[in-house]
Amino acid sequence: MNADTYRQFLLDAIPSARPASGGRFIQCRCFECGDSKDPTHAHMYIAIPQGDDDVSWAYCHKCKMHAVM
């Protein structure tokens, strides 16, 4: 799956997800901590692989949850 297809898949699959950092990341609410009561706050970033050897990973800046996708 190329980067554009993967990015669009995440945007379609995750409620309130939006592109961040020029499309290199998807920003969304954390699956673990739920972020905050404000639905517009999102602390989780999911990296979009930019090359064939890159991996997608997720990191929440609030609860520090991290994962390799």
C-alpha atoms as a PDB file:
ATOM      1  CA  MET A   1       0.000   0.000   0.000  1.00  0.00           C
ATOM      2  CA  ASN A   2       1.506   3.340  -0.967  1.00  0.00           C
ATOM      3  CA  ALA A   3       1.599   6.364   1.373  1.00  0.00           C
ATOM      4  CA  ASP A   4      -1.376   8.162  -0.184  1.00  0.00           C
ATOM      5  CA  THR A   5      -3.593   5.086  -0.048  1.00  0.00           C
ATOM      6  CA  TYR A   6      -2.572   4.347   3.560  1.00  0.00           C
ATOM      7  CA  ARG A   7      -3.168   7.980   4.594  1.00  0.00           C
ATOM      8  CA  GLN A   8      -6.639   7.971   3.039  1.00  0.00           C
ATOM      9  CA  PHE A   9      -7.443   4.598   4.650  1.00  0.00           C
ATOM     10  CA  LEU A  10      -6.609   6.014   8.094  1.00  0.00           C
ATOM     11  CA  LEU A  11      -8.546   9.225   7.479  1.00  0.00           C
ATOM     12  CA  ASP A  12     -11.619   7.207   6.447  1.00  0.00           C
ATOM     13  CA  ALA A  13     -11.317   4.631   9.256  1.00  0.00           C
ATOM     14  CA  ILE A  14     -10.583   6.837  12.283  1.00  0.00           C
ATOM     15  CA  PRO A  15     -13.225   9.310  13.465  1.00  0.00           C
ATOM     16  CA  SER A  16     -11.957  12.908  13.735  1.00  0.00           C
ATOM     17  CA  ALA A  17      -8.595  12.022  12.146  1.00  0.00           C
ATOM     18  CA  ARG A  18      -6.862  14.779  10.215  1.00  0.00           C
ATOM     19  CA  PRO A  19      -3.573  15.213   8.355  1.00  0.00           C
ATOM     20  CA  ALA A  20      -0.702  16.823  10.263  1.00  0.00           C
ATOM     21  CA  SER A  21       2.850  17.961   9.500  1.00  0.00           C
ATOM     22  CA  GLY A  22       2.296  18.298   5.781  1.00  0.00           C
ATOM     23  CA  GLY A  23       0.638  14.887   5.511  1.00  0.00           C
ATOM     24  CA  ARG A  24       3.516  12.943   7.076  1.00  0.00           C
ATOM     25  CA  PHE A  25       1.323  12.130  10.093  1.00  0.00           C
ATOM     26  CA  ILE A  26      -2.312  11.560  10.930  1.00  0.00           C
ATOM     27  CA  GLN A  27      -3.444  13.242  14.138  1.00  0.00           C
ATOM     28  CA  CYS A  28      -6.314  11.656  16.057  1.00  0.00           C
ATOM     29  CA  ARG A  29      -7.658  11.028  19.527  1.00  0.00           C
ATOM     30  CA  CYS A  30      -5.790   8.385  21.509  1.00  0.00           C
ATOM     31  CA  PHE A  31      -7.288   4.898  21.564  1.00  0.00           C
ATOM     32  CA  GLU A  32      -5.938   4.295  25.088  1.00  0.00           C
ATOM     33  CA  CYS A  33      -6.494   7.478  27.114  1.00  0.00           C
ATOM     34  CA  GLY A  34      -9.144   9.163  24.964  1.00  0.00           C
ATOM     35  CA  ASP A  35      -7.253  12.481  25.201  1.00  0.00           C
ATOM     36  CA  SER A  36      -9.562  15.055  26.786  1.00  0.00           C
ATOM     37  CA  LYS A  37     -13.230  15.933  27.057  1.00  0.00           C
ATOM     38  CA  ASP A  38     -12.812  18.356  24.151  1.00  0.00           C
ATOM     39  CA  PRO A  39     -13.351  16.319  20.950  1.00  0.00           C
ATOM     40  CA  THR A  40     -11.185  18.740  18.950  1.00  0.00           C
ATOM     41  CA  HIS A  41      -8.067  17.939  21.002  1.00  0.00           C
ATOM     42  CA  ALA A  42      -5.999  15.088  19.632  1.00  0.00           C
ATOM     43  CA  HIS A  43      -2.665  13.982  21.042  1.00  0.00           C
ATOM     44  CA  MET A  44      -1.988  10.809  19.050  1.00  0.00           C
ATOM     45  CA  TYR A  45       0.103  10.898  15.907  1.00  0.00           C
ATOM     46  CA  ILE A  46       0.352   8.053  13.414  1.00  0.00           C
ATOM     47  CA  ALA A  47       3.349   8.181  11.089  1.00  0.00           C
ATOM     48  CA  ILE A  48       2.780   7.655   7.373  1.00  0.00           C
ATOM     49  CA  PRO A  49       5.694   5.663   5.901  1.00  0.00           C
ATOM     50  CA  GLN A  50       7.584   7.821   3.395  1.00  0.00           C
ATOM     51  CA  GLY A  51       9.779   5.082   1.917  1.00  0.00           C
ATOM     52  CA  ASP A  52       9.765   1.350   1.293  1.00  0.00           C
ATOM     53  CA  ASP A  53      11.784   0.616   4.451  1.00  0.00           C
ATOM     54  CA  ASP A  54       9.794   2.916   6.766  1.00  0.00           C
ATOM     55  CA  VAL A  55       7.272   1.581   9.272  1.00  0.00           C
ATOM     56  CA  SER A  56       4.102   3.161  10.539  1.00  0.00           C
ATOM     57  CA  TRP A  57       4.038   3.896  14.253  1.00  0.00           C
ATOM     58  CA  ALA A  58       1.704   5.652  16.659  1.00  0.00           C
ATOM     59  CA  TYR A  59       2.511   7.808  19.680  1.00  0.00           C
ATOM     60  CA  CYS A  60       0.270   9.664  22.141  1.00  0.00           C
ATOM     61  CA  HIS A  61       1.836  12.815  23.554  1.00  0.00           C
ATOM     62  CA  LYS A  62      -0.509  12.687  26.555  1.00  0.00           C
ATOM     63  CA  CYS A  63      -0.333   9.120  27.924  1.00  0.00           C
ATOM     64  CA  LYS A  64       2.887   8.111  26.085  1.00  0.00           C
ATOM     65  CA  MET A  65       1.263   5.029  24.523  1.00  0.00           C
ATOM     66  CA  HIS A  66       3.245   3.901  21.510  1.00  0.00           C
ATOM     67  CA  ALA A  67       2.934   1.112  18.982  1.00  0.00           C
ATOM     68  CA  VAL A  68       4.268  -0.093  15.659  1.00  0.00           C
ATOM     69  CA  MET A  69       1.409  -0.502  13.225  1.00  0.00           C
END
